[in-house]
Amino acid sequence: MLSVRSGTDLCDGTLADLSVQLDTYFSGNDPYFNIPLRVFGTDFELRVWTACMNIPFGETRSYGELARDIGNARAARAVGSALSLNRIPLFIPCHRVVRANGETGEYAGGIKIKEKLLQIEKEQ
């Protein structure tokens, strides 16, 4: 469920379900996360995060491609800013968004973590 407010809240779902899905992910498989989420942000942030959640496991998109996906091709930097506010990065997989030239780009959790997450997904 996506709502517009400030803050982020993971709701419902059990810790056991979450644990199994995280184990599946870190084993290099697509866990098909199905933990219900309550995500708060601006309309723009929600559009960016929703588009980001549609990037398939093991694939990447550029900031510009994501900007085009939300109907604002000139908003690549704003997309990056919205992604930097993502507080639940495995569920909203902002690590899958890279620079247009294929370089990793920035990541709030650090570039080494972004590279590791991309490696996990690439080796599926």
PDB file of N, CA and C in Angstrom:
ATOM      1  N   MET A   1       0.844  -1.148   0.000  1.00  0.00           N
ATOM      2  CA  MET A   1       0.000   0.000   0.000  1.00  0.00           C
ATOM      3  C   MET A   1       0.902   1.227   0.000  1.00  0.00           C
ATOM      4  N   LEU A   2       0.678   2.176  -0.899  1.00  0.00           N
ATOM      5  CA  LEU A   2       1.460   3.398  -0.957  1.00  0.00           C
ATOM      6  C   LEU A   2       0.590   4.567  -0.534  1.00  0.00           C
ATOM      7  N   SER A   3       1.071   5.373   0.399  1.00  0.00           N
ATOM      8  CA  SER A   3       0.372   6.548   0.891  1.00  0.00           C
ATOM      9  C   SER A   3       1.331   7.718   0.910  1.00  0.00           C
ATOM     10  N   VAL A   4       0.802   8.926   0.862  1.00  0.00           N
ATOM     11  CA  VAL A   4       1.639  10.116   0.885  1.00  0.00           C
ATOM     12  C   VAL A   4       1.664  10.679   2.297  1.00  0.00           C
ATOM     13  N   ARG A   5       2.808  10.602   2.963  1.00  0.00           N
ATOM     14  CA  ARG A   5       3.063  11.170   4.287  1.00  0.00           C
ATOM     15  C   ARG A   5       4.561  11.164   4.507  1.00  0.00           C
ATOM     16  N   SER A   6       5.003  11.623   5.638  1.00  0.00           N
ATOM     17  CA  SER A   6       6.428  11.566   5.931  1.00  0.00           C
ATOM     18  C   SER A   6       6.719  10.345   6.777  1.00  0.00           C
ATOM     19  N   GLY A   7       7.845   9.701   6.519  1.00  0.00           N
ATOM     20  CA  GLY A   7       8.232   8.511   7.268  1.00  0.00           C
ATOM     21  C   GLY A   7       7.947   7.248   6.495  1.00  0.00           C
ATOM     22  N   THR A   8       8.431   6.126   6.990  1.00  0.00           N
ATOM     23  CA  THR A   8       8.241   4.833   6.361  1.00  0.00           C
ATOM     24  C   THR A   8       7.893   3.827   7.430  1.00  0.00           C
ATOM     25  N   ASP A   9       7.014   2.908   7.104  1.00  0.00           N
ATOM     26  CA  ASP A   9       6.566   1.945   8.094  1.00  0.00           C
ATOM     27  C   ASP A   9       6.370   0.599   7.418  1.00  0.00           C
ATOM     28  N   LEU A  10       6.997  -0.428   7.944  1.00  0.00           N
ATOM     29  CA  LEU A  10       6.788  -1.790   7.466  1.00  0.00           C
ATOM     30  C   LEU A  10       5.671  -2.363   8.312  1.00  0.00           C
ATOM     31  N   CYS A  11       4.592  -2.810   7.681  1.00  0.00           N
ATOM     32  CA  CYS A  11       3.458  -3.275   8.472  1.00  0.00           C
ATOM     33  C   CYS A  11       3.047  -4.673   8.038  1.00  0.00           C
ATOM     34  N   ASP A  12       2.296  -5.305   8.902  1.00  0.00           N
ATOM     35  CA  ASP A  12       1.761  -6.635   8.669  1.00  0.00           C
ATOM     36  C   ASP A  12       2.890  -7.625   8.366  1.00  0.00           C
ATOM     37  N   GLY A  13       2.546  -8.793   7.793  1.00  0.00           N
ATOM     38  CA  GLY A  13       3.560  -9.789   7.498  1.00  0.00           C
ATOM     39  C   GLY A  13       4.191 -10.294   8.781  1.00  0.00           C
ATOM     40  N   THR A  14       4.716 -11.481   8.753  1.00  0.00           N
ATOM     41  CA  THR A  14       5.350 -12.023   9.948  1.00  0.00           C
ATOM     42  C   THR A  14       6.852 -11.988   9.794  1.00  0.00           C
ATOM     43  N   LEU A  15       7.534 -11.988  10.920  1.00  0.00           N
ATOM     44  CA  LEU A  15       8.997 -12.007  10.870  1.00  0.00           C
ATOM     45  C   LEU A  15       9.498 -13.288  10.225  1.00  0.00           C
ATOM     46  N   ALA A  16       8.778 -14.387  10.416  1.00  0.00           N
ATOM     47  CA  ALA A  16       9.187 -15.652   9.798  1.00  0.00           C
ATOM     48  C   ALA A  16       9.131 -15.546   8.278  1.00  0.00           C
ATOM     49  N   ASP A  17       8.064 -14.966   7.742  1.00  0.00           N
ATOM     50  CA  ASP A  17       7.951 -14.774   6.292  1.00  0.00           C
ATOM     51  C   ASP A  17       9.081 -13.890   5.787  1.00  0.00           C
ATOM     52  N   LEU A  18       9.324 -12.812   6.513  1.00  0.00           N
ATOM     53  CA  LEU A  18      10.383 -11.892   6.123  1.00  0.00           C
ATOM     54  C   LEU A  18      11.741 -12.583   6.157  1.00  0.00           C
ATOM     55  N   SER A  19      11.988 -13.372   7.177  1.00  0.00           N
ATOM     56  CA  SER A  19      13.257 -14.084   7.313  1.00  0.00           C
ATOM     57  C   SER A  19      13.482 -15.036   6.142  1.00  0.00           C
ATOM     58  N   VAL A  20      12.459 -15.782   5.772  1.00  0.00           N
ATOM     59  CA  VAL A  20      12.564 -16.722   4.646  1.00  0.00           C
ATOM     60  C   VAL A  20      12.838 -15.960   3.351  1.00  0.00           C
ATOM     61  N   GLN A  21      12.126 -14.861   3.149  1.00  0.00           N
ATOM     62  CA  GLN A  21      12.306 -14.098   1.921  1.00  0.00           C
ATOM     63  C   GLN A  21      13.699 -13.466   1.855  1.00  0.00           C
ATOM     64  N   LEU A  22      14.197 -12.975   2.985  1.00  0.00           N
ATOM     65  CA  LEU A  22      15.557 -12.409   2.989  1.00  0.00           C
ATOM     66  C   LEU A  22      16.605 -13.493   2.757  1.00  0.00           C
ATOM     67  N   ASP A  23      16.424 -14.669   3.358  1.00  0.00           N
ATOM     68  CA  ASP A  23      17.349 -15.780   3.109  1.00  0.00           C
ATOM     69  C   ASP A  23      17.356 -16.153   1.630  1.00  0.00           C
ATOM     70  N   THR A  24      16.182 -16.174   1.020  1.00  0.00           N
ATOM     71  CA  THR A  24      16.069 -16.479  -0.408  1.00  0.00           C
ATOM     72  C   THR A  24      16.828 -15.440  -1.229  1.00  0.00           C
ATOM     73  N   TYR A  25      16.635 -14.169  -0.895  1.00  0.00           N
ATOM     74  CA  TYR A  25      17.315 -13.098  -1.623  1.00  0.00           C
ATOM     75  C   TYR A  25      18.828 -13.237  -1.512  1.00  0.00           C
ATOM     76  N   PHE A  26      19.329 -13.388  -0.293  1.00  0.00           N
ATOM     77  CA  PHE A  26      20.781 -13.424  -0.099  1.00  0.00           C
ATOM     78  C   PHE A  26      21.401 -14.735  -0.566  1.00  0.00           C
ATOM     79  N   SER A  27      20.563 -15.694  -0.964  1.00  0.00           N
ATOM     80  CA  SER A  27      21.056 -16.908  -1.615  1.00  0.00           C
ATOM     81  C   SER A  27      21.150 -16.715  -3.122  1.00  0.00           C
ATOM     82  N   GLY A  28      20.775 -15.525  -3.602  1.00  0.00           N
ATOM     83  CA  GLY A  28      20.882 -15.208  -5.019  1.00  0.00           C
ATOM     84  C   GLY A  28      19.649 -15.529  -5.828  1.00  0.00           C
ATOM     85  N   ASN A  29      18.518 -15.680  -5.158  1.00  0.00           N
ATOM     86  CA  ASN A  29      17.273 -15.990  -5.853  1.00  0.00           C
ATOM     87  C   ASN A  29      16.252 -14.892  -5.616  1.00  0.00           C
ATOM     88  N   ASP A  30      15.370 -14.719  -6.579  1.00  0.00           N
ATOM     89  CA  ASP A  30      14.316 -13.716  -6.457  1.00  0.00           C
ATOM     90  C   ASP A  30      13.298 -14.215  -5.441  1.00  0.00           C
ATOM     91  N   PRO A  31      13.152 -13.519  -4.314  1.00  0.00           N
ATOM     92  CA  PRO A  31      12.245 -13.999  -3.273  1.00  0.00           C
ATOM     93  C   PRO A  31      10.798 -13.607  -3.503  1.00  0.00           C
ATOM     94  N   TYR A  32      10.512 -12.798  -4.526  1.00  0.00           N
ATOM     95  CA  TYR A  32       9.154 -12.291  -4.724  1.00  0.00           C
ATOM     96  C   TYR A  32       8.627 -11.740  -3.407  1.00  0.00           C
ATOM     97  N   PHE A  33       9.307 -10.705  -2.893  1.00  0.00           N
ATOM     98  CA  PHE A  33       8.899 -10.103  -1.629  1.00  0.00           C
ATOM     99  C   PHE A  33       7.402  -9.826  -1.646  1.00  0.00           C
ATOM    100  N   ASN A  34       6.724 -10.307  -0.637  1.00  0.00           N
ATOM    101  CA  ASN A  34       5.287 -10.065  -0.547  1.00  0.00           C
ATOM    102  C   ASN A  34       4.896  -9.542   0.831  1.00  0.00           C
ATOM    103  N   ILE A  35       5.843  -8.867   1.468  1.00  0.00           N
ATOM    104  CA  ILE A  35       5.564  -8.251   2.750  1.00  0.00           C
ATOM    105  C   ILE A  35       4.776  -6.968   2.484  1.00  0.00           C
ATOM    106  N   PRO A  36       3.595  -6.824   3.085  1.00  0.00           N
ATOM    107  CA  PRO A  36       2.835  -5.581   2.872  1.00  0.00           C
ATOM    108  C   PRO A  36       3.614  -4.384   3.411  1.00  0.00           C
ATOM    109  N   LEU A  37       3.628  -3.323   2.637  1.00  0.00           N
ATOM    110  CA  LEU A  37       4.371  -2.124   3.023  1.00  0.00           C
ATOM    111  C   LEU A  37       3.437  -0.934   3.115  1.00  0.00           C
ATOM    112  N   ARG A  38       3.730  -0.060   4.040  1.00  0.00           N
ATOM    113  CA  ARG A  38       3.096   1.251   4.093  1.00  0.00           C
ATOM    114  C   ARG A  38       4.240   2.233   3.926  1.00  0.00           C
ATOM    115  N   VAL A  39       4.278   2.887   2.777  1.00  0.00           N
ATOM    116  CA  VAL A  39       5.394   3.762   2.431  1.00  0.00           C
ATOM    117  C   VAL A  39       4.861   5.192   2.353  1.00  0.00           C
ATOM    118  N   PHE A  40       5.575   6.112   2.956  1.00  0.00           N
ATOM    119  CA  PHE A  40       5.163   7.502   2.976  1.00  0.00           C
ATOM    120  C   PHE A  40       6.169   8.366   2.246  1.00  0.00           C
ATOM    121  N   GLY A  41       5.676   9.282   1.435  1.00  0.00           N
ATOM    122  CA  GLY A  41       6.535  10.204   0.718  1.00  0.00           C
ATOM    123  C   GLY A  41       5.692  11.153  -0.098  1.00  0.00           C
ATOM    124  N   THR A  42       6.341  12.003  -0.856  1.00  0.00           N
ATOM    125  CA  THR A  42       5.618  12.913  -1.743  1.00  0.00           C
ATOM    126  C   THR A  42       5.066  12.121  -2.924  1.00  0.00           C
ATOM    127  N   ASP A  43       4.180  12.736  -3.682  1.00  0.00           N
ATOM    128  CA  ASP A  43       3.659  12.070  -4.883  1.00  0.00           C
ATOM    129  C   ASP A  43       4.797  11.668  -5.819  1.00  0.00           C
ATOM    130  N   PHE A  44       5.761  12.568  -6.003  1.00  0.00           N
ATOM    131  CA  PHE A  44       6.889  12.281  -6.881  1.00  0.00           C
ATOM    132  C   PHE A  44       7.699  11.099  -6.356  1.00  0.00           C
ATOM    133  N   GLU A  45       8.028  11.108  -5.064  1.00  0.00           N
ATOM    134  CA  GLU A  45       8.797  10.010  -4.476  1.00  0.00           C
ATOM    135  C   GLU A  45       8.069   8.686  -4.637  1.00  0.00           C
ATOM    136  N   LEU A  46       6.773   8.689  -4.409  1.00  0.00           N
ATOM    137  CA  LEU A  46       5.995   7.453  -4.547  1.00  0.00           C
ATOM    138  C   LEU A  46       6.007   6.944  -5.986  1.00  0.00           C
ATOM    139  N   ARG A  47       5.934   7.854  -6.954  1.00  0.00           N
ATOM    140  CA  ARG A  47       5.998   7.432  -8.360  1.00  0.00           C
ATOM    141  C   ARG A  47       7.362   6.823  -8.670  1.00  0.00           C
ATOM    142  N   VAL A  48       8.426   7.446  -8.172  1.00  0.00           N
ATOM    143  CA  VAL A  48       9.784   6.933  -8.396  1.00  0.00           C
ATOM    144  C   VAL A  48       9.931   5.568  -7.745  1.00  0.00           C
ATOM    145  N   TRP A  49       9.525   5.451  -6.496  1.00  0.00           N
ATOM    146  CA  TRP A  49       9.683   4.192  -5.773  1.00  0.00           C
ATOM    147  C   TRP A  49       8.857   3.075  -6.394  1.00  0.00           C
ATOM    148  N   THR A  50       7.659   3.395  -6.861  1.00  0.00           N
ATOM    149  CA  THR A  50       6.825   2.386  -7.524  1.00  0.00           C
ATOM    150  C   THR A  50       7.494   1.914  -8.808  1.00  0.00           C
ATOM    151  N   ALA A  51       8.009   2.847  -9.603  1.00  0.00           N
ATOM    152  CA  ALA A  51       8.713   2.471 -10.837  1.00  0.00           C
ATOM    153  C   ALA A  51       9.941   1.628 -10.509  1.00  0.00           C
ATOM    154  N   CYS A  52      10.635   1.965  -9.442  1.00  0.00           N
ATOM    155  CA  CYS A  52      11.822   1.216  -9.030  1.00  0.00           C
ATOM    156  C   CYS A  52      11.451  -0.225  -8.662  1.00  0.00           C
ATOM    157  N   MET A  53      10.314  -0.391  -7.983  1.00  0.00           N
ATOM    158  CA  MET A  53       9.877  -1.736  -7.597  1.00  0.00           C
ATOM    159  C   MET A  53       9.522  -2.598  -8.812  1.00  0.00           C
ATOM    160  N   ASN A  54       9.323  -1.967  -9.959  1.00  0.00           N
ATOM    161  CA  ASN A  54       9.002  -2.703 -11.185  1.00  0.00           C
ATOM    162  C   ASN A  54      10.232  -3.135 -11.967  1.00  0.00           C
ATOM    163  N   ILE A  55      11.424  -2.786 -11.508  1.00  0.00           N
ATOM    164  CA  ILE A  55      12.653  -3.245 -12.164  1.00  0.00           C
ATOM    165  C   ILE A  55      12.854  -4.704 -11.766  1.00  0.00           C
ATOM    166  N   PRO A  56      12.883  -5.606 -12.717  1.00  0.00           N
ATOM    167  CA  PRO A  56      13.016  -7.032 -12.380  1.00  0.00           C
ATOM    168  C   PRO A  56      14.324  -7.370 -11.663  1.00  0.00           C
ATOM    169  N   PHE A  57      14.263  -8.378 -10.838  1.00  0.00           N
ATOM    170  CA  PHE A  57      15.421  -8.930 -10.138  1.00  0.00           C
ATOM    171  C   PHE A  57      16.516  -9.220 -11.152  1.00  0.00           C
ATOM    172  N   GLY A  58      17.732  -8.772 -10.878  1.00  0.00           N
ATOM    173  CA  GLY A  58      18.857  -9.050 -11.768  1.00  0.00           C
ATOM    174  C   GLY A  58      19.023  -8.065 -12.910  1.00  0.00           C
ATOM    175  N   GLU A  59      18.127  -7.084 -13.025  1.00  0.00           N
ATOM    176  CA  GLU A  59      18.219  -6.088 -14.092  1.00  0.00           C
ATOM    177  C   GLU A  59      18.478  -4.718 -13.489  1.00  0.00           C
ATOM    178  N   THR A  60      18.947  -3.801 -14.317  1.00  0.00           N
ATOM    179  CA  THR A  60      19.158  -2.419 -13.880  1.00  0.00           C
ATOM    180  C   THR A  60      18.490  -1.469 -14.856  1.00  0.00           C
ATOM    181  N   ARG A  61      18.285  -0.247 -14.392  1.00  0.00           N
ATOM    182  CA  ARG A  61      17.801   0.853 -15.211  1.00  0.00           C
ATOM    183  C   ARG A  61      18.632   2.066 -14.849  1.00  0.00           C
ATOM    184  N   SER A  62      18.748   2.997 -15.770  1.00  0.00           N
ATOM    185  CA  SER A  62      19.455   4.237 -15.466  1.00  0.00           C
ATOM    186  C   SER A  62      18.480   5.205 -14.787  1.00  0.00           C
ATOM    187  N   TYR A  63      19.055   6.215 -14.149  1.00  0.00           N
ATOM    188  CA  TYR A  63      18.231   7.248 -13.530  1.00  0.00           C
ATOM    189  C   TYR A  63      17.342   7.899 -14.583  1.00  0.00           C
ATOM    190  N   GLY A  64      17.902   8.132 -15.776  1.00  0.00           N
ATOM    191  CA  GLY A  64      17.133   8.725 -16.869  1.00  0.00           C
ATOM    192  C   GLY A  64      16.003   7.828 -17.340  1.00  0.00           C
ATOM    193  N   GLU A  65      16.266   6.530 -17.427  1.00  0.00           N
ATOM    194  CA  GLU A  65      15.206   5.597 -17.831  1.00  0.00           C
ATOM    195  C   GLU A  65      14.077   5.593 -16.810  1.00  0.00           C
ATOM    196  N   LEU A  66      14.428   5.632 -15.530  1.00  0.00           N
ATOM    197  CA  LEU A  66      13.404   5.663 -14.494  1.00  0.00           C
ATOM    198  C   LEU A  66      12.616   6.971 -14.579  1.00  0.00           C
ATOM    199  N   ALA A  67      13.314   8.071 -14.863  1.00  0.00           N
ATOM    200  CA  ALA A  67      12.627   9.353 -15.032  1.00  0.00           C
ATOM    201  C   ALA A  67      11.627   9.276 -16.193  1.00  0.00           C
ATOM    202  N   ARG A  68      12.036   8.662 -17.299  1.00  0.00           N
ATOM    203  CA  ARG A  68      11.107   8.482 -18.429  1.00  0.00           C
ATOM    204  C   ARG A  68       9.936   7.587 -18.054  1.00  0.00           C
ATOM    205  N   ASP A  69      10.215   6.551 -17.266  1.00  0.00           N
ATOM    206  CA  ASP A  69       9.149   5.631 -16.844  1.00  0.00           C
ATOM    207  C   ASP A  69       8.052   6.339 -16.051  1.00  0.00           C
ATOM    208  N   ILE A  70       8.425   7.396 -15.324  1.00  0.00           N
ATOM    209  CA  ILE A  70       7.409   8.109 -14.547  1.00  0.00           C
ATOM    210  C   ILE A  70       6.864   9.318 -15.305  1.00  0.00           C
ATOM    211  N   GLY A  71       7.275   9.465 -16.570  1.00  0.00           N
ATOM    212  CA  GLY A  71       6.729  10.521 -17.409  1.00  0.00           C
ATOM    213  C   GLY A  71       7.411  11.866 -17.290  1.00  0.00           C
ATOM    214  N   ASN A  72       8.656  11.888 -16.796  1.00  0.00           N
ATOM    215  CA  ASN A  72       9.381  13.146 -16.660  1.00  0.00           C
ATOM    216  C   ASN A  72      10.841  12.913 -17.039  1.00  0.00           C
ATOM    217  N   ALA A  73      11.112  12.831 -18.334  1.00  0.00           N
ATOM    218  CA  ALA A  73      12.426  12.449 -18.850  1.00  0.00           C
ATOM    219  C   ALA A  73      13.560  13.353 -18.378  1.00  0.00           C
ATOM    220  N   ARG A  74      13.254  14.576 -17.964  1.00  0.00           N
ATOM    221  CA  ARG A  74      14.308  15.513 -17.550  1.00  0.00           C
ATOM    222  C   ARG A  74      14.571  15.467 -16.047  1.00  0.00           C
ATOM    223  N   ALA A  75      13.995  14.507 -15.345  1.00  0.00           N
ATOM    224  CA  ALA A  75      14.064  14.482 -13.879  1.00  0.00           C
ATOM    225  C   ALA A  75      15.045  13.450 -13.331  1.00  0.00           C
ATOM    226  N   ALA A  76      16.090  13.110 -14.089  1.00  0.00           N
ATOM    227  CA  ALA A  76      17.013  12.065 -13.638  1.00  0.00           C
ATOM    228  C   ALA A  76      17.651  12.404 -12.283  1.00  0.00           C
ATOM    229  N   ARG A  77      18.047  13.646 -12.089  1.00  0.00           N
ATOM    230  CA  ARG A  77      18.643  14.028 -10.799  1.00  0.00           C
ATOM    231  C   ARG A  77      17.617  13.968  -9.674  1.00  0.00           C
ATOM    232  N   ALA A  78      16.411  14.389  -9.957  1.00  0.00           N
ATOM    233  CA  ALA A  78      15.341  14.333  -8.952  1.00  0.00           C
ATOM    234  C   ALA A  78      15.014  12.890  -8.602  1.00  0.00           C
ATOM    235  N   VAL A  79      15.099  11.998  -9.598  1.00  0.00           N
ATOM    236  CA  VAL A  79      14.915  10.568  -9.340  1.00  0.00           C
ATOM    237  C   VAL A  79      15.976  10.088  -8.359  1.00  0.00           C
ATOM    238  N   GLY A  80      17.222  10.479  -8.588  1.00  0.00           N
ATOM    239  CA  GLY A  80      18.299  10.104  -7.675  1.00  0.00           C
ATOM    240  C   GLY A  80      18.048  10.615  -6.269  1.00  0.00           C
ATOM    241  N   SER A  81      17.559  11.834  -6.169  1.00  0.00           N
ATOM    242  CA  SER A  81      17.255  12.401  -4.850  1.00  0.00           C
ATOM    243  C   SER A  81      16.149  11.622  -4.156  1.00  0.00           C
ATOM    244  N   ALA A  82      15.107  11.268  -4.906  1.00  0.00           N
ATOM    245  CA  ALA A  82      14.005  10.484  -4.322  1.00  0.00           C
ATOM    246  C   ALA A  82      14.506   9.116  -3.867  1.00  0.00           C
ATOM    247  N   LEU A  83      15.362   8.495  -4.666  1.00  0.00           N
ATOM    248  CA  LEU A  83      15.893   7.181  -4.299  1.00  0.00           C
ATOM    249  C   LEU A  83      16.768   7.269  -3.053  1.00  0.00           C
ATOM    250  N   SER A  84      17.442   8.390  -2.864  1.00  0.00           N
ATOM    251  CA  SER A  84      18.299   8.536  -1.679  1.00  0.00           C
ATOM    252  C   SER A  84      17.479   8.592  -0.393  1.00  0.00           C
ATOM    253  N   LEU A  85      16.193   8.850  -0.502  1.00  0.00           N
ATOM    254  CA  LEU A  85      15.307   8.913   0.665  1.00  0.00           C
ATOM    255  C   LEU A  85      14.621   7.581   0.953  1.00  0.00           C
ATOM    256  N   ASN A  86      14.886   6.590   0.133  1.00  0.00           N
ATOM    257  CA  ASN A  86      14.296   5.256   0.302  1.00  0.00           C
ATOM    258  C   ASN A  86      14.861   4.614   1.566  1.00  0.00           C
ATOM    259  N   ARG A  87      13.985   4.275   2.500  1.00  0.00           N
ATOM    260  CA  ARG A  87      14.434   3.699   3.769  1.00  0.00           C
ATOM    261  C   ARG A  87      14.337   2.178   3.807  1.00  0.00           C
ATOM    262  N   ILE A  88      13.837   1.576   2.754  1.00  0.00           N
ATOM    263  CA  ILE A  88      13.687   0.110   2.725  1.00  0.00           C
ATOM    264  C   ILE A  88      14.229  -0.423   1.395  1.00  0.00           C
ATOM    265  N   PRO A  89      15.554  -0.367   1.211  1.00  0.00           N
ATOM    266  CA  PRO A  89      16.150  -0.589  -0.098  1.00  0.00           C
ATOM    267  C   PRO A  89      16.010  -1.985  -0.705  1.00  0.00           C
ATOM    268  N   LEU A  90      15.828  -3.026   0.054  1.00  0.00           N
ATOM    269  CA  LEU A  90      15.614  -4.325  -0.593  1.00  0.00           C
ATOM    270  C   LEU A  90      14.203  -4.444  -1.143  1.00  0.00           C
ATOM    271  N   PHE A  91      13.258  -3.782  -0.510  1.00  0.00           N
ATOM    272  CA  PHE A  91      11.867  -3.841  -0.945  1.00  0.00           C
ATOM    273  C   PHE A  91      11.585  -2.839  -2.053  1.00  0.00           C
ATOM    274  N   ILE A  92      12.239  -1.697  -1.981  1.00  0.00           N
ATOM    275  CA  ILE A  92      12.246  -0.724  -3.073  1.00  0.00           C
ATOM    276  C   ILE A  92      13.695  -0.731  -3.558  1.00  0.00           C
ATOM    277  N   PRO A  93      13.994  -1.576  -4.543  1.00  0.00           N
ATOM    278  CA  PRO A  93      15.387  -1.916  -4.890  1.00  0.00           C
ATOM    279  C   PRO A  93      16.132  -0.824  -5.653  1.00  0.00           C
ATOM    280  N   CYS A  94      16.414   0.267  -4.960  1.00  0.00           N
ATOM    281  CA  CYS A  94      17.081   1.390  -5.609  1.00  0.00           C
ATOM    282  C   CYS A  94      18.506   1.061  -6.030  1.00  0.00           C
ATOM    283  N   HIS A  95      19.057  -0.036  -5.525  1.00  0.00           N
ATOM    284  CA  HIS A  95      20.395  -0.443  -5.972  1.00  0.00           C
ATOM    285  C   HIS A  95      20.385  -0.849  -7.445  1.00  0.00           C
ATOM    286  N   ARG A  96      19.207  -1.103  -8.003  1.00  0.00           N
ATOM    287  CA  ARG A  96      19.090  -1.490  -9.418  1.00  0.00           C
ATOM    288  C   ARG A  96      19.131  -0.297 -10.356  1.00  0.00           C
ATOM    289  N   VAL A  97      19.240   0.900  -9.812  1.00  0.00           N
ATOM    290  CA  VAL A  97      19.291   2.104 -10.631  1.00  0.00           C
ATOM    291  C   VAL A  97      20.741   2.572 -10.687  1.00  0.00           C
ATOM    292  N   VAL A  98      21.257   2.683 -11.910  1.00  0.00           N
ATOM    293  CA  VAL A  98      22.661   3.007 -12.147  1.00  0.00           C
ATOM    294  C   VAL A  98      22.769   4.207 -13.086  1.00  0.00           C
ATOM    295  N   ARG A  99      23.973   4.675 -13.278  1.00  0.00           N
ATOM    296  CA  ARG A  99      24.202   5.791 -14.205  1.00  0.00           C
ATOM    297  C   ARG A  99      23.990   5.322 -15.647  1.00  0.00           C
ATOM    298  N   ALA A 100      23.730   6.267 -16.527  1.00  0.00           N
ATOM    299  CA  ALA A 100      23.478   5.955 -17.937  1.00  0.00           C
ATOM    300  C   ALA A 100      24.660   5.249 -18.585  1.00  0.00           C
ATOM    301  N   ASN A 101      25.880   5.518 -18.118  1.00  0.00           N
ATOM    302  CA  ASN A 101      27.064   4.888 -18.699  1.00  0.00           C
ATOM    303  C   ASN A 101      27.340   3.514 -18.087  1.00  0.00           C
ATOM    304  N   GLY A 102      26.455   3.045 -17.219  1.00  0.00           N
ATOM    305  CA  GLY A 102      26.611   1.728 -16.613  1.00  0.00           C
ATOM    306  C   GLY A 102      27.360   1.722 -15.293  1.00  0.00           C
ATOM    307  N   GLU A 103      27.961   2.872 -14.919  1.00  0.00           N
ATOM    308  CA  GLU A 103      28.638   2.945 -13.628  1.00  0.00           C
ATOM    309  C   GLU A 103      27.616   2.817 -12.509  1.00  0.00           C
ATOM    310  N   THR A 104      28.080   2.342 -11.376  1.00  0.00           N
ATOM    311  CA  THR A 104      27.200   2.068 -10.247  1.00  0.00           C
ATOM    312  C   THR A 104      26.438   3.291  -9.773  1.00  0.00           C
ATOM    313  N   GLY A 105      27.093   4.409  -9.652  1.00  0.00           N
ATOM    314  CA  GLY A 105      26.429   5.597  -9.127  1.00  0.00           C
ATOM    315  C   GLY A 105      26.394   5.572  -7.609  1.00  0.00           C
ATOM    316  N   GLU A 106      25.673   6.488  -7.040  1.00  0.00           N
ATOM    317  CA  GLU A 106      25.616   6.644  -5.591  1.00  0.00           C
ATOM    318  C   GLU A 106      24.658   5.640  -4.967  1.00  0.00           C
ATOM    319  N   TYR A 107      24.776   5.500  -3.633  1.00  0.00           N
ATOM    320  CA  TYR A 107      23.879   4.628  -2.879  1.00  0.00           C
ATOM    321  C   TYR A 107      23.956   5.039  -1.420  1.00  0.00           C
ATOM    322  N   ALA A 108      22.819   5.282  -0.800  1.00  0.00           N
ATOM    323  CA  ALA A 108      22.792   5.759   0.587  1.00  0.00           C
ATOM    324  C   ALA A 108      23.505   4.796   1.528  1.00  0.00           C
ATOM    325  N   GLY A 109      23.459   3.502   1.235  1.00  0.00           N
ATOM    326  CA  GLY A 109      24.116   2.507   2.080  1.00  0.00           C
ATOM    327  C   GLY A 109      25.586   2.317   1.767  1.00  0.00           C
ATOM    328  N   GLY A 110      26.082   3.039   0.778  1.00  0.00           N
ATOM    329  CA  GLY A 110      27.476   2.920   0.372  1.00  0.00           C
ATOM    330  C   GLY A 110      27.610   2.147  -0.925  1.00  0.00           C
ATOM    331  N   ILE A 111      28.561   2.542  -1.734  1.00  0.00           N
ATOM    332  CA  ILE A 111      28.743   1.932  -3.058  1.00  0.00           C
ATOM    333  C   ILE A 111      29.092   0.452  -2.955  1.00  0.00           C
ATOM    334  N   LYS A 112      29.886   0.060  -1.962  1.00  0.00           N
ATOM    335  CA  LYS A 112      30.258  -1.358  -1.826  1.00  0.00           C
ATOM    336  C   LYS A 112      29.029  -2.231  -1.593  1.00  0.00           C
ATOM    337  N   ILE A 113      28.074  -1.737  -0.813  1.00  0.00           N
ATOM    338  CA  ILE A 113      26.843  -2.515  -0.576  1.00  0.00           C
ATOM    339  C   ILE A 113      26.035  -2.590  -1.863  1.00  0.00           C
ATOM    340  N   LYS A 114      25.932  -1.477  -2.585  1.00  0.00           N
ATOM    341  CA  LYS A 114      25.197  -1.479  -3.858  1.00  0.00           C
ATOM    342  C   LYS A 114      25.818  -2.486  -4.824  1.00  0.00           C
ATOM    343  N   GLU A 115      27.146  -2.463  -4.929  1.00  0.00           N
ATOM    344  CA  GLU A 115      27.830  -3.398  -5.820  1.00  0.00           C
ATOM    345  C   GLU A 115      27.582  -4.843  -5.392  1.00  0.00           C
ATOM    346  N   LYS A 116      27.577  -5.104  -4.084  1.00  0.00           N
ATOM    347  CA  LYS A 116      27.337  -6.459  -3.582  1.00  0.00           C
ATOM    348  C   LYS A 116      25.918  -6.912  -3.902  1.00  0.00           C
ATOM    349  N   LEU A 117      24.931  -6.044  -3.712  1.00  0.00           N
ATOM    350  CA  LEU A 117      23.548  -6.402  -4.031  1.00  0.00           C
ATOM    351  C   LEU A 117      23.389  -6.684  -5.530  1.00  0.00           C
ATOM    352  N   LEU A 118      24.008  -5.862  -6.354  1.00  0.00           N
ATOM    353  CA  LEU A 118      23.953  -6.091  -7.816  1.00  0.00           C
ATOM    354  C   LEU A 118      24.632  -7.412  -8.172  1.00  0.00           C
ATOM    355  N   GLN A 119      25.732  -7.719  -7.497  1.00  0.00           N
ATOM    356  CA  GLN A 119      26.444  -8.994  -7.742  1.00  0.00           C
ATOM    357  C   GLN A 119      25.569 -10.174  -7.345  1.00  0.00           C
ATOM    358  N   ILE A 120      24.920 -10.098  -6.198  1.00  0.00           N
ATOM    359  CA  ILE A 120      24.026 -11.173  -5.753  1.00  0.00           C
ATOM    360  C   ILE A 120      22.973 -11.455  -6.805  1.00  0.00           C
ATOM    361  N   GLU A 121      22.369 -10.387  -7.330  1.00  0.00           N
ATOM    362  CA  GLU A 121      21.300 -10.552  -8.309  1.00  0.00           C
ATOM    363  C   GLU A 121      21.829 -11.005  -9.672  1.00  0.00           C
ATOM    364  N   LYS A 122      23.004 -10.556 -10.038  1.00  0.00           N
ATOM    365  CA  LYS A 122      23.583 -10.927 -11.333  1.00  0.00           C
ATOM    366  C   LYS A 122      23.926 -12.408 -11.384  1.00  0.00           C
ATOM    367  N   GLU A 123      24.303 -12.968 -10.244  1.00  0.00           N
ATOM    368  CA  GLU A 123      24.736 -14.368 -10.194  1.00  0.00           C
ATOM    369  C   GLU A 123      23.577 -15.353 -10.055  1.00  0.00           C
ATOM    370  N   GLN A 124      22.366 -14.889 -10.222  1.00  0.00           N
ATOM    371  CA  GLN A 124      21.203 -15.760 -10.069  1.00  0.00           C
ATOM    372  C   GLN A 124      21.258 -16.959 -11.002  1.00  0.00           C
TER     373      GLN A 124
END
